[in-house]
């Protein structure tokens, strides 16, 4: 499963917020491999909460206060 998620993190589309996060981490840590793994872990977390709660809260737009 780890292999599949890392492959998915590596092939993210250009308009994805996860890809922007991966690029920011890669630049900050000077390592694309660390950034790929961190992004894959974030994706696993999103899948877990999506299966548990039937929705992913961080993907919903924030309410204007």
PDB file of N, CA and C in Angstrom:
ATOM      1  N   UNK A   1       0.816  -1.182   0.000  1.00  0.00           N
ATOM      2  CA  UNK A   1       0.000   0.000   0.000  1.00  0.00           C
ATOM      3  C   UNK A   1       0.869   1.259   0.000  1.00  0.00           C
ATOM      4  N   UNK A   2       1.979   1.198   0.719  1.00  0.00           N
ATOM      5  CA  UNK A   2       2.865   2.355   0.770  1.00  0.00           C
ATOM      6  C   UNK A   2       3.367   2.721  -0.624  1.00  0.00           C
ATOM      7  N   UNK A   3       3.732   1.708  -1.396  1.00  0.00           N
ATOM      8  CA  UNK A   3       4.226   1.956  -2.746  1.00  0.00           C
ATOM      9  C   UNK A   3       3.187   2.684  -3.581  1.00  0.00           C
ATOM     10  N   UNK A   4       1.938   2.246  -3.510  1.00  0.00           N
ATOM     11  CA  UNK A   4       0.879   2.838  -4.322  1.00  0.00           C
ATOM     12  C   UNK A   4       0.628   4.295  -3.941  1.00  0.00           C
ATOM     13  N   UNK A   5       0.647   4.591  -2.662  1.00  0.00           N
ATOM     14  CA  UNK A   5       0.381   5.963  -2.226  1.00  0.00           C
ATOM     15  C   UNK A   5       1.544   6.881  -2.588  1.00  0.00           C
ATOM     16  N   UNK A   6       2.761   6.399  -2.475  1.00  0.00           N
ATOM     17  CA  UNK A   6       3.916   7.219  -2.866  1.00  0.00           C
ATOM     18  C   UNK A   6       3.898   7.473  -4.364  1.00  0.00           C
ATOM     19  N   UNK A   7       3.508   6.474  -5.152  1.00  0.00           N
ATOM     20  CA  UNK A   7       3.368   6.688  -6.589  1.00  0.00           C
ATOM     21  C   UNK A   7       2.305   7.747  -6.882  1.00  0.00           C
ATOM     22  N   UNK A   8       1.192   7.684  -6.152  1.00  0.00           N
ATOM     23  CA  UNK A   8       0.131   8.681  -6.345  1.00  0.00           C
ATOM     24  C   UNK A   8       0.616  10.067  -5.947  1.00  0.00           C
ATOM     25  N   UNK A   9       1.374  10.168  -4.877  1.00  0.00           N
ATOM     26  CA  UNK A   9       1.903  11.465  -4.436  1.00  0.00           C
ATOM     27  C   UNK A   9       2.900  12.015  -5.451  1.00  0.00           C
ATOM     28  N   UNK A  10       3.597  11.141  -6.130  1.00  0.00           N
ATOM     29  CA  UNK A  10       4.584  11.566  -7.112  1.00  0.00           C
ATOM     30  C   UNK A  10       3.919  12.078  -8.384  1.00  0.00           C
ATOM     31  N   UNK A  11       2.757  11.560  -8.720  1.00  0.00           N
ATOM     32  CA  UNK A  11       2.103  11.901  -9.977  1.00  0.00           C
ATOM     33  C   UNK A  11       0.896  12.823  -9.790  1.00  0.00           C
ATOM     34  N   UNK A  12       0.960  13.720  -8.821  1.00  0.00           N
ATOM     35  CA  UNK A  12      -0.150  14.645  -8.581  1.00  0.00           C
ATOM     36  C   UNK A  12      -0.302  15.626  -9.735  1.00  0.00           C
ATOM     37  N   UNK A  13      -1.539  16.042  -9.987  1.00  0.00           N
ATOM     38  CA  UNK A  13      -1.814  17.011 -11.051  1.00  0.00           C
ATOM     39  C   UNK A  13      -1.264  18.377 -10.673  1.00  0.00           C
ATOM     40  N   UNK A  14      -1.124  19.234 -11.655  1.00  0.00           N
ATOM     41  CA  UNK A  14      -0.507  20.538 -11.421  1.00  0.00           C
ATOM     42  C   UNK A  14      -1.391  21.491 -10.639  1.00  0.00           C
ATOM     43  N   UNK A  15      -2.703  21.299 -10.659  1.00  0.00           N
ATOM     44  CA  UNK A  15      -3.598  22.226  -9.973  1.00  0.00           C
ATOM     45  C   UNK A  15      -3.995  21.748  -8.575  1.00  0.00           C
ATOM     46  N   UNK A  16      -3.271  20.804  -8.031  1.00  0.00           N
ATOM     47  CA  UNK A  16      -3.613  20.212  -6.747  1.00  0.00           C
ATOM     48  C   UNK A  16      -2.940  20.966  -5.601  1.00  0.00           C
ATOM     49  N   UNK A  17      -3.671  21.167  -4.513  1.00  0.00           N
ATOM     50  CA  UNK A  17      -3.069  21.822  -3.348  1.00  0.00           C
ATOM     51  C   UNK A  17      -2.052  20.906  -2.685  1.00  0.00           C
ATOM     52  N   UNK A  18      -2.214  19.583  -2.856  1.00  0.00           N
ATOM     53  CA  UNK A  18      -1.224  18.659  -2.317  1.00  0.00           C
ATOM     54  C   UNK A  18       0.104  18.779  -3.069  1.00  0.00           C
ATOM     55  N   UNK A  19       0.029  19.029  -4.363  1.00  0.00           N
ATOM     56  CA  UNK A  19       1.272  19.203  -5.123  1.00  0.00           C
ATOM     57  C   UNK A  19       2.010  20.459  -4.682  1.00  0.00           C
ATOM     58  N   UNK A  20       1.271  21.538  -4.442  1.00  0.00           N
ATOM     59  CA  UNK A  20       1.896  22.765  -3.944  1.00  0.00           C
ATOM     60  C   UNK A  20       2.539  22.526  -2.584  1.00  0.00           C
ATOM     61  N   UNK A  21       1.862  21.767  -1.737  1.00  0.00           N
ATOM     62  CA  UNK A  21       2.412  21.429  -0.420  1.00  0.00           C
ATOM     63  C   UNK A  21       3.684  20.595  -0.566  1.00  0.00           C
ATOM     64  N   UNK A  22       3.661  19.637  -1.500  1.00  0.00           N
ATOM     65  CA  UNK A  22       4.846  18.804  -1.733  1.00  0.00           C
ATOM     66  C   UNK A  22       6.023  19.629  -2.210  1.00  0.00           C
ATOM     67  N   UNK A  23       5.779  20.556  -3.127  1.00  0.00           N
ATOM     68  CA  UNK A  23       6.861  21.404  -3.638  1.00  0.00           C
ATOM     69  C   UNK A  23       7.419  22.317  -2.548  1.00  0.00           C
ATOM     70  N   UNK A  24       6.539  22.836  -1.693  1.00  0.00           N
ATOM     71  CA  UNK A  24       6.977  23.695  -0.601  1.00  0.00           C
ATOM     72  C   UNK A  24       7.847  22.905   0.383  1.00  0.00           C
ATOM     73  N   UNK A  25       7.425  21.685   0.690  1.00  0.00           N
ATOM     74  CA  UNK A  25       8.206  20.839   1.592  1.00  0.00           C
ATOM     75  C   UNK A  25       9.547  20.450   0.970  1.00  0.00           C
ATOM     76  N   UNK A  26       9.549  20.153  -0.312  1.00  0.00           N
ATOM     77  CA  UNK A  26      10.787  19.755  -0.990  1.00  0.00           C
ATOM     78  C   UNK A  26      11.810  20.885  -0.950  1.00  0.00           C
ATOM     79  N   UNK A  27      11.329  22.091  -1.137  1.00  0.00           N
ATOM     80  CA  UNK A  27      12.244  23.229  -1.104  1.00  0.00           C
ATOM     81  C   UNK A  27      12.742  23.494   0.315  1.00  0.00           C
ATOM     82  N   UNK A  28      11.855  23.359   1.284  1.00  0.00           N
ATOM     83  CA  UNK A  28      12.235  23.634   2.664  1.00  0.00           C
ATOM     84  C   UNK A  28      13.198  22.589   3.201  1.00  0.00           C
ATOM     85  N   UNK A  29      12.975  21.310   2.865  1.00  0.00           N
ATOM     86  CA  UNK A  29      13.804  20.227   3.397  1.00  0.00           C
ATOM     87  C   UNK A  29      14.971  19.850   2.482  1.00  0.00           C
ATOM     88  N   UNK A  30      15.041  20.442   1.300  1.00  0.00           N
ATOM     89  CA  UNK A  30      16.078  20.124   0.310  1.00  0.00           C
ATOM     90  C   UNK A  30      16.077  18.643  -0.052  1.00  0.00           C
ATOM     91  N   UNK A  31      14.902  18.032  -0.061  1.00  0.00           N
ATOM     92  CA  UNK A  31      14.804  16.624  -0.410  1.00  0.00           C
ATOM     93  C   UNK A  31      13.426  16.338  -0.989  1.00  0.00           C
ATOM     94  N   UNK A  32      13.398  15.922  -2.234  1.00  0.00           N
ATOM     95  CA  UNK A  32      12.124  15.590  -2.864  1.00  0.00           C
ATOM     96  C   UNK A  32      11.559  14.285  -2.303  1.00  0.00           C
ATOM     97  N   UNK A  33      12.436  13.356  -1.889  1.00  0.00           N
ATOM     98  CA  UNK A  33      11.966  12.079  -1.357  1.00  0.00           C
ATOM     99  C   UNK A  33      11.238  12.260  -0.027  1.00  0.00           C
ATOM    100  N   UNK A  34      11.763  13.101   0.834  1.00  0.00           N
ATOM    101  CA  UNK A  34      11.097  13.380   2.108  1.00  0.00           C
ATOM    102  C   UNK A  34       9.738  14.021   1.849  1.00  0.00           C
ATOM    103  N   UNK A  35       9.688  14.948   0.912  1.00  0.00           N
ATOM    104  CA  UNK A  35       8.437  15.631   0.594  1.00  0.00           C
ATOM    105  C   UNK A  35       7.414  14.653   0.005  1.00  0.00           C
ATOM    106  N   UNK A  36       7.868  13.738  -0.836  1.00  0.00           N
ATOM    107  CA  UNK A  36       6.970  12.733  -1.421  1.00  0.00           C
ATOM    108  C   UNK A  36       6.364  11.856  -0.344  1.00  0.00           C
ATOM    109  N   UNK A  37       7.193  11.408   0.586  1.00  0.00           N
ATOM    110  CA  UNK A  37       6.722  10.550   1.661  1.00  0.00           C
ATOM    111  C   UNK A  37       5.763  11.295   2.578  1.00  0.00           C
ATOM    112  N   UNK A  38       6.061  12.548   2.892  1.00  0.00           N
ATOM    113  CA  UNK A  38       5.175  13.343   3.740  1.00  0.00           C
ATOM    114  C   UNK A  38       3.828  13.570   3.067  1.00  0.00           C
ATOM    115  N   UNK A  39       3.840  13.818   1.778  1.00  0.00           N
ATOM    116  CA  UNK A  39       2.592  14.008   1.035  1.00  0.00           C
ATOM    117  C   UNK A  39       1.793  12.711   0.993  1.00  0.00           C
ATOM    118  N   UNK A  40       2.468  11.582   0.841  1.00  0.00           N
ATOM    119  CA  UNK A  40       1.786  10.285   0.837  1.00  0.00           C
ATOM    120  C   UNK A  40       1.138  10.022   2.193  1.00  0.00           C
ATOM    121  N   UNK A  41       1.820  10.355   3.257  1.00  0.00           N
ATOM    122  CA  UNK A  41       1.245  10.174   4.592  1.00  0.00           C
ATOM    123  C   UNK A  41       0.026  11.065   4.784  1.00  0.00           C
ATOM    124  N   UNK A  42       0.086  12.281   4.248  1.00  0.00           N
ATOM    125  CA  UNK A  42      -1.060  13.179   4.342  1.00  0.00           C
ATOM    126  C   UNK A  42      -2.244  12.616   3.559  1.00  0.00           C
ATOM    127  N   UNK A  43      -1.969  12.012   2.402  1.00  0.00           N
ATOM    128  CA  UNK A  43      -3.032  11.409   1.604  1.00  0.00           C
ATOM    129  C   UNK A  43      -3.673  10.231   2.338  1.00  0.00           C
ATOM    130  N   UNK A  44      -2.853   9.404   2.992  1.00  0.00           N
ATOM    131  CA  UNK A  44      -3.373   8.278   3.770  1.00  0.00           C
ATOM    132  C   UNK A  44      -4.273   8.782   4.890  1.00  0.00           C
ATOM    133  N   UNK A  45      -3.875   9.867   5.545  1.00  0.00           N
ATOM    134  CA  UNK A  45      -4.681  10.444   6.619  1.00  0.00           C
ATOM    135  C   UNK A  45      -6.016  10.930   6.085  1.00  0.00           C
ATOM    136  N   UNK A  46      -6.003  11.601   4.924  1.00  0.00           N
ATOM    137  CA  UNK A  46      -7.250  12.069   4.329  1.00  0.00           C
ATOM    138  C   UNK A  46      -8.172  10.913   3.960  1.00  0.00           C
ATOM    139  N   UNK A  47      -7.612   9.839   3.442  1.00  0.00           N
ATOM    140  CA  UNK A  47      -8.413   8.659   3.095  1.00  0.00           C
ATOM    141  C   UNK A  47      -9.012   8.038   4.355  1.00  0.00           C
ATOM    142  N   UNK A  48      -8.223   7.940   5.410  1.00  0.00           N
ATOM    143  CA  UNK A  48      -8.714   7.366   6.660  1.00  0.00           C
ATOM    144  C   UNK A  48      -9.913   8.152   7.190  1.00  0.00           C
ATOM    145  N   UNK A  49      -9.769   9.473   7.285  1.00  0.00           N
ATOM    146  CA  UNK A  49     -10.861  10.276   7.813  1.00  0.00           C
ATOM    147  C   UNK A  49     -12.060  10.289   6.860  1.00  0.00           C
ATOM    148  N   UNK A  50     -11.800  10.211   5.571  1.00  0.00           N
ATOM    149  CA  UNK A  50     -12.887  10.126   4.616  1.00  0.00           C
ATOM    150  C   UNK A  50     -13.695   8.847   4.781  1.00  0.00           C
ATOM    151  N   UNK A  51     -13.015   7.736   5.009  1.00  0.00           N
ATOM    152  CA  UNK A  51     -13.719   6.470   5.227  1.00  0.00           C
ATOM    153  C   UNK A  51     -14.415   6.445   6.579  1.00  0.00           C
ATOM    154  N   UNK A  52     -13.785   7.033   7.587  1.00  0.00           N
ATOM    155  CA  UNK A  52     -14.373   7.020   8.919  1.00  0.00           C
ATOM    156  C   UNK A  52     -15.577   7.948   9.040  1.00  0.00           C
ATOM    157  N   UNK A  53     -15.437   9.183   8.544  1.00  0.00           N
ATOM    158  CA  UNK A  53     -16.467  10.210   8.742  1.00  0.00           C
ATOM    159  C   UNK A  53     -17.360  10.410   7.525  1.00  0.00           C
ATOM    160  N   UNK A  54     -17.033   9.788   6.405  1.00  0.00           N
ATOM    161  CA  UNK A  54     -17.770   9.910   5.144  1.00  0.00           C
ATOM    162  C   UNK A  54     -17.666  11.302   4.522  1.00  0.00           C
ATOM    163  N   UNK A  55     -16.739  12.109   4.963  1.00  0.00           N
ATOM    164  CA  UNK A  55     -16.402  13.370   4.302  1.00  0.00           C
ATOM    165  C   UNK A  55     -15.057  13.838   4.845  1.00  0.00           C
ATOM    166  N   UNK A  56     -14.403  14.699   4.071  1.00  0.00           N
ATOM    167  CA  UNK A  56     -13.083  15.201   4.466  1.00  0.00           C
ATOM    168  C   UNK A  56     -13.231  16.697   4.736  1.00  0.00           C
ATOM    169  N   UNK A  57     -13.135  17.069   5.987  1.00  0.00           N
ATOM    170  CA  UNK A  57     -13.414  18.443   6.396  1.00  0.00           C
ATOM    171  C   UNK A  57     -12.454  19.457   5.779  1.00  0.00           C
ATOM    172  N   UNK A  58     -11.194  19.128   5.637  1.00  0.00           N
ATOM    173  CA  UNK A  58     -10.220  20.103   5.149  1.00  0.00           C
ATOM    174  C   UNK A  58     -10.442  20.443   3.687  1.00  0.00           C
ATOM    175  N   UNK A  59     -11.217  19.653   2.960  1.00  0.00           N
ATOM    176  CA  UNK A  59     -11.471  19.933   1.561  1.00  0.00           C
ATOM    177  C   UNK A  59     -12.691  20.824   1.354  1.00  0.00           C
ATOM    178  N   UNK A  60     -13.442  21.081   2.426  1.00  0.00           N
ATOM    179  CA  UNK A  60     -14.604  21.948   2.327  1.00  0.00           C
ATOM    180  C   UNK A  60     -14.166  23.403   2.452  1.00  0.00           C
ATOM    181  N   UNK A  61     -14.819  24.310   1.725  1.00  0.00           N
ATOM    182  CA  UNK A  61     -14.460  25.732   1.855  1.00  0.00           C
ATOM    183  C   UNK A  61     -14.771  26.242   3.247  1.00  0.00           C
ATOM    184  N   UNK A  62     -13.928  27.134   3.739  1.00  0.00           N
ATOM    185  CA  UNK A  62     -14.119  27.692   5.072  1.00  0.00           C
ATOM    186  C   UNK A  62     -15.308  28.644   5.075  1.00  0.00           C
ATOM    187  N   UNK A  63     -16.061  28.620   6.158  1.00  0.00           N
ATOM    188  CA  UNK A  63     -17.185  29.531   6.311  1.00  0.00           C
ATOM    189  C   UNK A  63     -16.674  30.944   6.589  1.00  0.00           C
ATOM    190  N   UNK A  64     -17.270  31.930   5.936  1.00  0.00           N
ATOM    191  CA  UNK A  64     -16.890  33.319   6.190  1.00  0.00           C
ATOM    192  C   UNK A  64     -17.517  33.763   7.498  1.00  0.00           C
ATOM    193  N   UNK A  65     -16.696  34.276   8.370  1.00  0.00           N
ATOM    194  CA  UNK A  65     -17.197  34.696   9.692  1.00  0.00           C
ATOM    195  C   UNK A  65     -17.634  36.123   9.705  1.00  0.00           C
TER     196      UNK A  65
END
